[in-house]
Amino acid sequence: MFNNKVVLVTGGTGSFGQQMIETVLDRYEPKRLIVLSRDELKQFQMAERFPVERYDAMRYLIGDVRDRDRLYRAFDDVDVVVHAAAMKQVPACEYNPIEAIRTNIMGAANVIDAAIDRGVEKVIALSTDKAANPINLYGATKLASDKLFTSASAYAGAHRTRFCVVRYGNVIGSRGSVIPLFLRARKEGVLPITDPRMTRFWITIQEGVDFVLRVLEMMRGGEIFVPKIPSMNIMDVAAAVGPECETRVIGIRPGEKLHEVMIPEDDAHNTFEYSDHFRILSSTPENRSGDGSAMDGGNRCEDEFRYSSDRNDQWLSPDDLRAMLDSGETLRTST
């Protein structure tokens, strides 16, 4: 899929971006593999891991998705864009709302315009469960971003560029997630618990990358792809990370949900189910489908269907998570 192609990853120095780069280098032979990000220190560190001298396809570009002109230059001759750049820390977005809007919404609009005008073939944007029925600014900005990308294929008109979105839950071990927090807190012998009833969707960084690669082959344009992934209760996370620790309930933080939703009831009528994922179609006329046969064999979900972390039929046990921790994958991706 990527052999002899030019692939660009925005936010390429992040947890997802680095795993994406490693996977593409391992499985394909791209013509060029471009990292676009705004932190020169992270690029320097990444270039030590993936040096141009060893990986001649690698390119490192300093740039910001807020800068429309920079994207127009960076996207020249690019075939595929994976848009992973975002402000994603909930407290930071709440305290810096205009900055979050500029990056997550206006940055998305810039990516769309540059991709269409530069003739990019495919663009896939990363989203979050917090974009479904959002209660915090981060989720609201990602919902707006999702709407922009799912409408962009229609917006592109006769141009060849097609867009889609991948939405998934918490990435195990990613920067800012609860697992690195617990790993630090267990040194003190007490793990902070927001609410013992809390549940979350969980996915490994490699599973997220693999799903994005599959979606790039499946996409038609205008869809939101949601993988079927397991849930876990916060108390089970604590039991896996620090079984010897005490727990202290500190209460739900502002902008936080008790359970996360990836497909709300209001989207059920536009959602198709497959063996290992769901597809939410855009409400634009170009993306409407009368039955499941038009969507590669998927079955339309029933009215009022809801895919949420508390109603899931897949669950991770403490032993499951402990095995992942022992493997070193979550520790490696949290650095």
Protein backbone atom coordinates (compact mmCIF):
# COMPACT_ATOMS: atom_id res chain seq x y z
CA MET A 1 0.00 0.00 0.00
CA PHE A 2 2.82 2.42 0.81
CA ASN A 3 5.47 1.04 -1.51
CA ASN A 4 6.92 3.88 -3.59
CA LYS A 5 4.40 6.30 -2.03
CA VAL A 6 5.02 9.58 -0.25
CA VAL A 7 3.49 9.45 3.24
CA LEU A 8 3.29 12.37 5.69
CA VAL A 9 2.37 12.13 9.38
CA THR A 10 1.37 15.32 11.19
CA GLY A 11 2.32 15.18 14.85
CA GLY A 12 4.77 12.50 13.81
CA THR A 13 6.92 12.74 16.94
CA GLY A 14 4.06 11.71 19.26
CA SER A 15 3.44 8.20 20.63
CA PHE A 16 1.24 7.20 17.71
CA GLY A 17 3.40 8.93 15.11
CA GLN A 18 6.58 7.18 16.17
CA GLN A 19 4.92 3.76 16.20
CA MET A 20 3.38 4.52 12.80
CA ILE A 21 6.77 5.46 11.36
CA GLU A 22 8.41 2.32 12.78
CA THR A 23 5.65 0.09 11.38
CA VAL A 24 5.71 1.62 7.90
CA LEU A 25 9.50 1.33 7.72
CA ASP A 26 9.27 -2.30 8.82
CA ARG A 27 6.50 -3.38 6.42
CA TYR A 28 6.77 -1.16 3.35
CA GLU A 29 9.21 0.63 1.09
CA PRO A 30 7.91 4.21 0.89
CA LYS A 31 9.42 6.69 -1.50
CA ARG A 32 9.43 9.27 1.28
CA LEU A 33 8.18 9.15 4.86
CA ILE A 34 7.74 12.64 6.25
CA VAL A 35 7.43 13.65 9.90
CA LEU A 36 5.79 17.07 10.33
CA SER A 37 5.80 18.49 13.85
CA ARG A 38 6.64 21.69 15.70
CA ASP A 39 9.11 20.45 18.35
CA GLU A 40 12.69 20.42 17.10
CA LEU A 41 13.99 18.61 20.20
CA LYS A 42 11.58 15.70 19.67
CA GLN A 43 12.55 15.62 16.00
CA PHE A 44 16.23 15.54 16.94
CA GLN A 45 15.58 12.63 19.30
CA MET A 46 13.47 10.83 16.71
CA ALA A 47 16.12 11.34 14.04
CA GLU A 48 18.57 9.56 16.33
CA ARG A 49 16.20 6.60 16.38
CA PHE A 50 15.39 6.77 12.64
CA PRO A 51 18.41 8.48 11.05
CA VAL A 52 18.18 9.58 7.43
CA GLU A 53 21.56 7.93 6.80
CA ARG A 54 20.01 4.53 7.58
CA TYR A 55 16.45 5.19 6.44
CA ASP A 56 16.82 7.17 3.23
CA ALA A 57 13.04 7.68 2.92
CA MET A 58 12.87 9.69 6.15
CA ARG A 59 12.33 13.46 6.11
CA TYR A 60 11.84 15.74 9.11
CA LEU A 61 9.92 18.99 8.63
CA ILE A 62 9.35 21.61 11.30
CA GLY A 63 5.84 22.97 10.94
CA ASP A 64 2.50 23.56 12.60
CA VAL A 65 -0.94 22.59 11.31
CA ARG A 66 -2.03 26.11 12.23
CA ASP A 67 0.26 27.40 9.48
CA ARG A 68 -1.68 26.98 6.24
CA ASP A 69 1.18 28.11 4.02
CA ARG A 70 3.56 25.59 5.59
CA LEU A 71 1.10 22.76 4.95
CA TYR A 72 0.80 23.75 1.29
CA ARG A 73 4.56 23.42 0.92
CA ALA A 74 4.82 20.23 3.03
CA PHE A 75 1.97 18.44 1.17
CA ASP A 76 3.53 18.96 -2.27
CA ASP A 77 3.77 15.56 -4.03
CA VAL A 78 2.36 13.71 -0.98
CA ASP A 79 0.10 10.67 -1.58
CA VAL A 80 -1.16 9.88 1.95
CA VAL A 81 -1.54 12.09 5.03
CA VAL A 82 -2.07 10.65 8.51
CA HIS A 83 -3.26 13.54 10.68
CA ALA A 84 -2.21 12.83 14.27
CA ALA A 85 -1.36 16.37 15.41
CA ALA A 86 -3.62 17.70 18.16
CA MET A 87 -3.86 19.29 21.56
CA LYS A 88 -5.21 16.34 23.53
CA GLN A 89 -4.72 16.99 27.24
CA VAL A 90 -8.13 17.82 28.70
CA PRO A 91 -6.90 20.27 31.41
CA ALA A 92 -4.63 22.09 28.92
CA CYS A 93 -7.52 22.51 26.47
CA GLU A 94 -9.82 23.78 29.23
CA TYR A 95 -7.24 26.35 30.37
CA ASN A 96 -6.19 27.36 26.83
CA PRO A 97 -9.45 27.09 24.85
CA ILE A 98 -8.53 29.37 21.95
CA GLU A 99 -5.27 27.49 21.44
CA ALA A 100 -7.16 24.18 21.34
CA ILE A 101 -9.58 25.58 18.75
CA ARG A 102 -6.73 26.90 16.62
CA THR A 103 -4.92 23.57 16.62
CA ASN A 104 -7.72 21.01 16.59
CA ILE A 105 -10.32 22.80 14.45
CA MET A 106 -8.54 25.41 12.36
CA GLY A 107 -5.60 23.03 11.98
CA ALA A 108 -8.00 20.39 10.60
CA ALA A 109 -9.41 22.91 8.11
CA ASN A 110 -5.88 23.77 6.99
CA VAL A 111 -5.03 20.09 6.48
CA ILE A 112 -8.18 19.63 4.39
CA ASP A 113 -7.55 22.64 2.14
CA ALA A 114 -3.88 21.82 1.62
CA ALA A 115 -4.62 18.15 0.87
CA ILE A 116 -7.28 18.97 -1.73
CA ASP A 117 -5.28 21.69 -3.46
CA ARG A 118 -2.06 19.63 -3.49
CA GLY A 119 -3.78 16.53 -4.85
CA VAL A 120 -3.21 14.21 -1.87
CA GLU A 121 -4.94 10.89 -2.50
CA LYS A 122 -6.01 9.88 1.02
CA VAL A 123 -6.21 11.64 4.38
CA ILE A 124 -7.01 9.83 7.62
CA ALA A 125 -7.55 11.80 10.83
CA LEU A 126 -7.23 10.40 14.34
CA SER A 127 -10.10 11.08 16.72
CA THR A 128 -11.09 10.06 20.25
CA ASP A 129 -13.99 8.61 22.20
CA LYS A 130 -14.27 12.01 23.86
CA ALA A 131 -15.64 13.41 20.56
CA ALA A 132 -18.90 11.47 21.05
CA ASN A 133 -21.37 13.53 23.09
CA PRO A 134 -18.52 15.75 24.35
CA ILE A 135 -18.61 17.38 27.77
CA ASN A 136 -15.17 19.05 27.63
CA LEU A 137 -13.53 21.40 25.16
CA TYR A 138 -11.08 18.79 23.90
CA GLY A 139 -13.97 16.51 22.93
CA ALA A 140 -15.87 19.42 21.38
CA THR A 141 -12.90 20.42 19.22
CA LYS A 142 -12.41 16.83 18.06
CA LEU A 143 -16.12 16.50 17.25
CA ALA A 144 -15.84 19.63 15.10
CA SER A 145 -12.71 18.20 13.50
CA ASP A 146 -14.52 14.91 12.78
CA LYS A 147 -17.36 16.82 11.10
CA LEU A 148 -14.89 18.71 8.93
CA PHE A 149 -13.13 15.56 7.77
CA THR A 150 -16.28 13.50 7.14
CA SER A 151 -17.71 16.33 5.04
CA ALA A 152 -14.43 17.04 3.26
CA SER A 153 -14.82 14.29 0.65
CA ALA A 154 -17.98 16.02 -0.57
CA TYR A 155 -16.25 19.39 -0.21
CA ALA A 156 -13.43 18.13 -2.44
CA GLY A 157 -15.84 17.78 -5.36
CA ALA A 158 -14.08 16.58 -8.51
CA HIS A 159 -10.70 16.52 -6.79
CA ARG A 160 -9.33 13.05 -6.04
CA THR A 161 -8.69 13.56 -2.33
CA ARG A 162 -10.72 11.39 0.04
CA PHE A 163 -10.95 11.75 3.82
CA CYS A 164 -11.98 9.58 6.75
CA VAL A 165 -11.67 9.44 10.54
CA VAL A 166 -10.55 6.74 12.97
CA ARG A 167 -12.01 6.99 16.48
CA TYR A 168 -10.75 4.84 19.35
CA GLY A 169 -10.34 4.88 23.12
CA ASN A 170 -7.47 5.32 25.56
CA VAL A 171 -4.10 4.17 24.27
CA ILE A 172 -2.41 1.96 26.85
CA GLY A 173 0.73 3.66 28.06
CA SER A 174 0.51 6.79 25.91
CA ARG A 175 1.70 10.08 27.34
CA GLY A 176 -0.90 11.51 29.74
CA SER A 177 -2.78 8.24 30.27
CA VAL A 178 -3.60 6.81 33.70
CA ILE A 179 -1.12 3.93 33.51
CA PRO A 180 2.06 6.06 33.62
CA LEU A 181 0.36 8.04 36.43
CA PHE A 182 -0.24 4.83 38.40
CA LEU A 183 3.29 3.62 37.72
CA ARG A 184 4.64 6.79 39.30
CA ALA A 185 2.12 6.81 42.16
CA ARG A 186 2.76 3.23 43.22
CA LYS A 187 6.18 4.29 44.50
CA GLU A 188 4.25 6.14 47.23
CA GLY A 189 1.98 3.16 47.89
CA VAL A 190 -1.32 4.98 47.11
CA LEU A 191 -3.14 5.10 43.75
CA PRO A 192 -5.63 7.96 43.16
CA ILE A 193 -9.03 6.74 41.90
CA THR A 194 -11.49 9.21 40.40
CA ASP A 195 -14.52 6.91 40.79
CA PRO A 196 -14.53 3.12 41.42
CA ARG A 197 -17.31 2.68 38.83
CA MET A 198 -15.34 4.34 36.01
CA THR A 199 -14.74 2.38 32.80
CA ARG A 200 -12.71 3.15 29.68
CA PHE A 201 -12.02 1.65 26.26
CA TRP A 202 -8.43 0.46 25.84
CA ILE A 203 -6.23 -0.17 22.81
CA THR A 204 -2.49 -0.68 22.43
CA ILE A 205 -0.48 1.73 20.33
CA GLN A 206 0.34 -1.02 17.81
CA GLU A 207 -3.31 -2.03 17.53
CA GLY A 208 -4.14 1.61 16.80
CA VAL A 209 -1.50 1.78 14.06
CA ASP A 210 -2.61 -1.53 12.54
CA PHE A 211 -6.23 -0.36 12.46
CA VAL A 212 -5.26 2.88 10.72
CA LEU A 213 -3.37 0.89 8.07
CA ARG A 214 -6.41 -1.34 7.49
CA VAL A 215 -8.74 1.65 7.26
CA LEU A 216 -6.54 3.27 4.61
CA GLU A 217 -7.32 0.26 2.43
CA MET A 218 -11.04 0.05 3.31
CA MET A 219 -12.01 3.71 3.22
CA ARG A 220 -14.27 5.17 0.56
CA GLY A 221 -14.45 8.66 2.01
CA GLY A 222 -16.60 10.36 4.64
CA GLU A 223 -16.67 7.55 7.21
CA ILE A 224 -15.76 7.36 10.89
CA PHE A 225 -14.20 3.95 11.63
CA VAL A 226 -14.50 2.60 15.19
CA PRO A 227 -12.64 -0.60 16.19
CA LYS A 228 -14.21 -3.12 18.54
CA ILE A 229 -11.88 -2.95 21.54
CA PRO A 230 -12.13 -4.07 25.18
CA SER A 231 -13.15 -2.04 28.20
CA MET A 232 -11.62 -2.03 31.66
CA ASN A 233 -12.77 -0.84 35.06
CA ILE A 234 -10.44 1.63 36.78
CA MET A 235 -10.20 -0.60 39.86
CA ASP A 236 -8.95 -3.45 37.67
CA VAL A 237 -6.34 -1.10 36.19
CA ALA A 238 -5.20 -0.28 39.72
CA ALA A 239 -5.11 -3.97 40.64
CA ALA A 240 -2.93 -4.71 37.62
CA VAL A 241 -0.46 -1.86 38.10
CA GLY A 242 -0.21 -1.73 41.90
CA PRO A 243 -1.83 -4.76 43.56
CA GLU A 244 0.05 -4.01 46.77
CA CYS A 245 -1.07 -0.36 46.86
CA GLU A 246 -3.92 1.32 48.69
CA THR A 247 -6.45 3.31 46.67
CA ARG A 248 -7.82 6.75 47.47
CA VAL A 249 -10.97 8.12 45.80
CA ILE A 250 -10.39 11.72 44.70
CA GLY A 251 -13.55 12.34 42.65
CA ILE A 252 -14.18 12.83 38.93
CA ARG A 253 -12.20 15.70 37.48
CA PRO A 254 -13.86 18.58 35.58
CA GLY A 255 -14.72 17.56 32.01
CA GLU A 256 -14.46 13.84 32.76
CA LYS A 257 -17.13 11.17 32.17
CA LEU A 258 -17.92 8.12 34.24
CA HIS A 259 -18.07 6.00 31.06
CA GLU A 260 -16.89 6.83 27.54
CA VAL A 261 -18.97 6.51 24.37
CA MET A 262 -17.66 5.91 20.86
CA ILE A 263 -21.00 5.61 19.07
CA PRO A 264 -23.92 7.52 20.63
CA GLU A 265 -27.57 6.60 20.02
CA ASP A 266 -28.02 9.58 17.72
CA ASP A 267 -25.52 8.08 15.25
CA ALA A 268 -27.00 4.56 15.29
CA HIS A 269 -29.06 5.06 12.12
CA ASN A 270 -25.89 5.93 10.17
CA THR A 271 -23.78 3.10 11.65
CA PHE A 272 -22.90 -0.28 10.14
CA GLU A 273 -21.45 -3.17 12.12
CA TYR A 274 -18.73 -5.59 10.96
CA SER A 275 -16.93 -8.45 12.67
CA ASP A 276 -14.27 -6.27 14.28
CA HIS A 277 -15.30 -2.66 13.68
CA PHE A 278 -18.12 -0.16 13.06
CA ARG A 279 -18.48 2.48 10.37
CA ILE A 280 -20.41 5.69 10.95
CA LEU A 281 -21.41 7.29 7.67
CA SER A 282 -21.47 11.03 7.19
CA SER A 283 -24.90 12.64 6.98
CA THR A 284 -23.97 14.28 3.66
CA PRO A 285 -26.00 12.95 0.68
CA GLU A 286 -22.84 11.56 -0.97
CA ASN A 287 -22.30 9.16 1.94
CA ARG A 288 -25.82 7.89 2.56
CA SER A 289 -26.53 4.24 1.93
CA GLY A 290 -29.88 2.51 1.79
CA ASP A 291 -28.82 -0.88 3.17
CA GLY A 292 -25.88 -2.82 4.51
CA SER A 293 -25.13 -4.48 1.18
CA ALA A 294 -23.88 -1.15 -0.10
CA MET A 295 -21.30 -1.05 2.72
CA ASP A 296 -19.18 -4.15 2.05
CA GLY A 297 -21.50 -6.57 3.81
CA GLY A 298 -22.00 -4.61 7.03
CA ASN A 299 -25.25 -4.71 8.95
CA ARG A 300 -27.02 -1.51 9.87
CA CYS A 301 -27.19 -1.03 13.63
CA GLU A 302 -30.55 -0.96 15.36
CA ASP A 303 -32.09 2.34 16.37
CA GLU A 304 -30.82 3.57 19.75
CA PHE A 305 -27.73 1.35 19.50
CA ARG A 306 -24.95 2.68 21.74
CA TYR A 307 -21.31 1.60 21.91
CA SER A 308 -20.05 2.61 25.32
CA SER A 309 -17.36 1.37 27.67
CA ASP A 310 -19.85 0.18 30.31
CA ARG A 311 -22.00 -1.83 27.86
CA ASN A 312 -19.13 -3.58 26.13
CA ASP A 313 -18.99 -7.36 25.66
CA GLN A 314 -15.17 -7.37 25.67
CA TRP A 315 -13.28 -6.74 28.92
CA LEU A 316 -9.63 -6.72 29.96
CA SER A 317 -8.79 -8.42 33.26
CA PRO A 318 -5.99 -7.33 35.60
CA ASP A 319 -4.00 -10.34 34.37
CA ASP A 320 -4.43 -9.22 30.76
CA LEU A 321 -3.10 -5.76 31.50
CA ARG A 322 -0.34 -7.12 33.73
CA ALA A 323 0.85 -9.30 30.83
CA MET A 324 1.04 -6.19 28.63
CA LEU A 325 3.00 -4.37 31.32
CA ASP A 326 5.37 -7.31 31.69
CA SER A 327 5.93 -7.36 27.93
CA GLY A 328 7.29 -3.81 28.15
CA GLU A 329 5.04 -2.47 25.35
CA THR A 330 3.13 -0.02 27.56
CA LEU A 331 6.28 1.10 29.33
CA ARG A 332 8.06 1.73 26.04
CA THR A 333 5.21 3.72 24.52
CA SER A 334 4.79 5.88 27.63
CA THR A 335 8.27 7.39 27.35
